[in-house]
């Protein structure tokens, strides 16, 4: 699986890649891009799954409510204004 971030349709920074061995593999991915953005710019994230290997994966939520915890989100965005 490939992951990337676009700003106004242009890739910012490098791509991130992971190749899970099986359907039950969980691989966290984190991007840190210090950017100077202007009002109106659009940030897009992309996840691309290849056709080789296990054909599963994506942004998934896990449900630990059986032990009384809240759901685990599959993605988050943090914006820091300096």
C-alpha atoms as a PDB file:
ATOM      1  CA  UNK A   1       0.000   0.000   0.000  1.00  0.00           C
ATOM      2  CA  UNK A   2       1.208   3.459  -0.860  1.00  0.00           C
ATOM      3  CA  UNK A   3       0.279   6.607   1.058  1.00  0.00           C
ATOM      4  CA  UNK A   4       0.772  10.226   0.019  1.00  0.00           C
ATOM      5  CA  UNK A   5      -0.383  13.750   0.819  1.00  0.00           C
ATOM      6  CA  UNK A   6      -1.347  16.329  -1.811  1.00  0.00           C
ATOM      7  CA  UNK A   7      -1.666  20.086  -1.485  1.00  0.00           C
ATOM      8  CA  UNK A   8      -3.850  21.576  -4.205  1.00  0.00           C
ATOM      9  CA  UNK A   9      -3.398  18.363  -6.211  1.00  0.00           C
ATOM     10  CA  UNK A  10       0.433  18.324  -6.005  1.00  0.00           C
ATOM     11  CA  UNK A  11       2.245  15.761  -3.867  1.00  0.00           C
ATOM     12  CA  UNK A  12       3.927  17.218  -0.778  1.00  0.00           C
ATOM     13  CA  UNK A  13       6.902  15.273   0.546  1.00  0.00           C
ATOM     14  CA  UNK A  14       7.604  11.649  -0.244  1.00  0.00           C
ATOM     15  CA  UNK A  15       5.382   8.605  -0.484  1.00  0.00           C
ATOM     16  CA  UNK A  16       5.143   6.063   2.322  1.00  0.00           C
ATOM     17  CA  UNK A  17       4.966   2.341   1.525  1.00  0.00           C
ATOM     18  CA  UNK A  18       4.095  -0.774   3.456  1.00  0.00           C
ATOM     19  CA  UNK A  19       3.570  -4.366   2.298  1.00  0.00           C
ATOM     20  CA  UNK A  20       1.456  -6.366   4.764  1.00  0.00           C
ATOM     21  CA  UNK A  21       1.960 -10.132   4.713  1.00  0.00           C
ATOM     22  CA  UNK A  22      -1.627 -11.064   5.467  1.00  0.00           C
ATOM     23  CA  UNK A  23      -5.180  -9.866   5.897  1.00  0.00           C
ATOM     24  CA  UNK A  24      -4.803  -9.409   9.661  1.00  0.00           C
ATOM     25  CA  UNK A  25      -1.648  -7.267   9.584  1.00  0.00           C
ATOM     26  CA  UNK A  26      -1.981  -3.759  10.996  1.00  0.00           C
ATOM     27  CA  UNK A  27       0.666  -1.220  10.024  1.00  0.00           C
ATOM     28  CA  UNK A  28       0.476   2.331  11.382  1.00  0.00           C
ATOM     29  CA  UNK A  29       1.547   5.092   9.015  1.00  0.00           C
ATOM     30  CA  UNK A  30       2.397   8.611  10.113  1.00  0.00           C
ATOM     31  CA  UNK A  31       3.227  11.679   8.037  1.00  0.00           C
ATOM     32  CA  UNK A  32       4.862  14.763   9.483  1.00  0.00           C
ATOM     33  CA  UNK A  33       5.106  17.613   7.009  1.00  0.00           C
ATOM     34  CA  UNK A  34       5.935  21.091   8.254  1.00  0.00           C
ATOM     35  CA  UNK A  35       4.058  23.307   5.808  1.00  0.00           C
ATOM     36  CA  UNK A  36       3.114  26.921   5.370  1.00  0.00           C
ATOM     37  CA  UNK A  37      -0.441  26.944   4.050  1.00  0.00           C
ATOM     38  CA  UNK A  38      -2.614  29.770   2.853  1.00  0.00           C
ATOM     39  CA  UNK A  39      -6.375  30.152   3.208  1.00  0.00           C
ATOM     40  CA  UNK A  40      -8.230  28.035   0.673  1.00  0.00           C
ATOM     41  CA  UNK A  41      -5.531  25.438  -0.002  1.00  0.00           C
ATOM     42  CA  UNK A  42      -6.859  21.865  -0.152  1.00  0.00           C
ATOM     43  CA  UNK A  43      -5.042  18.996   1.603  1.00  0.00           C
ATOM     44  CA  UNK A  44      -5.788  15.497   0.273  1.00  0.00           C
ATOM     45  CA  UNK A  45      -4.519  12.131   1.512  1.00  0.00           C
ATOM     46  CA  UNK A  46      -4.262   9.122  -0.769  1.00  0.00           C
ATOM     47  CA  UNK A  47      -4.066   5.409  -0.068  1.00  0.00           C
ATOM     48  CA  UNK A  48      -3.374   3.143  -3.028  1.00  0.00           C
ATOM     49  CA  UNK A  49      -3.581  -0.629  -2.797  1.00  0.00           C
ATOM     50  CA  UNK A  50      -1.562  -2.708  -5.241  1.00  0.00           C
ATOM     51  CA  UNK A  51      -2.836  -5.778  -7.052  1.00  0.00           C
ATOM     52  CA  UNK A  52      -0.098  -8.074  -5.712  1.00  0.00           C
ATOM     53  CA  UNK A  53      -0.265  -9.929  -2.427  1.00  0.00           C
ATOM     54  CA  UNK A  54      -3.222  -9.921  -0.073  1.00  0.00           C
ATOM     55  CA  UNK A  55      -6.153  -7.951  -1.505  1.00  0.00           C
ATOM     56  CA  UNK A  56      -7.344  -6.346   1.709  1.00  0.00           C
ATOM     57  CA  UNK A  57      -6.546  -3.285   3.736  1.00  0.00           C
ATOM     58  CA  UNK A  58      -7.403   0.354   3.949  1.00  0.00           C
ATOM     59  CA  UNK A  59      -8.501   2.708   6.673  1.00  0.00           C
ATOM     60  CA  UNK A  60     -10.210   0.529   9.247  1.00  0.00           C
ATOM     61  CA  UNK A  61     -11.727   1.034  12.684  1.00  0.00           C
ATOM     62  CA  UNK A  62     -11.177  -1.494  15.457  1.00  0.00           C
ATOM     63  CA  UNK A  63     -13.820  -2.026  18.140  1.00  0.00           C
ATOM     64  CA  UNK A  64     -12.451  -2.644  21.663  1.00  0.00           C
ATOM     65  CA  UNK A  65     -15.846  -2.074  23.323  1.00  0.00           C
ATOM     66  CA  UNK A  66     -15.802  -5.637  24.665  1.00  0.00           C
ATOM     67  CA  UNK A  67     -13.277  -4.371  27.227  1.00  0.00           C
ATOM     68  CA  UNK A  68     -15.067  -1.038  27.788  1.00  0.00           C
ATOM     69  CA  UNK A  69     -12.891   1.195  25.600  1.00  0.00           C
ATOM     70  CA  UNK A  70     -13.947   3.566  22.826  1.00  0.00           C
ATOM     71  CA  UNK A  71     -13.445   2.718  19.147  1.00  0.00           C
ATOM     72  CA  UNK A  72     -10.003   3.174  17.656  1.00  0.00           C
ATOM     73  CA  UNK A  73     -10.138   5.618  14.776  1.00  0.00           C
ATOM     74  CA  UNK A  74      -8.383   4.847  11.529  1.00  0.00           C
ATOM     75  CA  UNK A  75      -7.080   8.300  10.705  1.00  0.00           C
ATOM     76  CA  UNK A  76      -6.475  11.656  12.310  1.00  0.00           C
ATOM     77  CA  UNK A  77      -5.150  15.042  11.262  1.00  0.00           C
ATOM     78  CA  UNK A  78      -3.374  17.433  13.601  1.00  0.00           C
ATOM     79  CA  UNK A  79      -2.888  21.068  12.591  1.00  0.00           C
ATOM     80  CA  UNK A  80      -0.603  23.320  14.606  1.00  0.00           C
ATOM     81  CA  UNK A  81      -0.682  27.062  14.007  1.00  0.00           C
ATOM     82  CA  UNK A  82       2.432  28.969  14.980  1.00  0.00           C
END
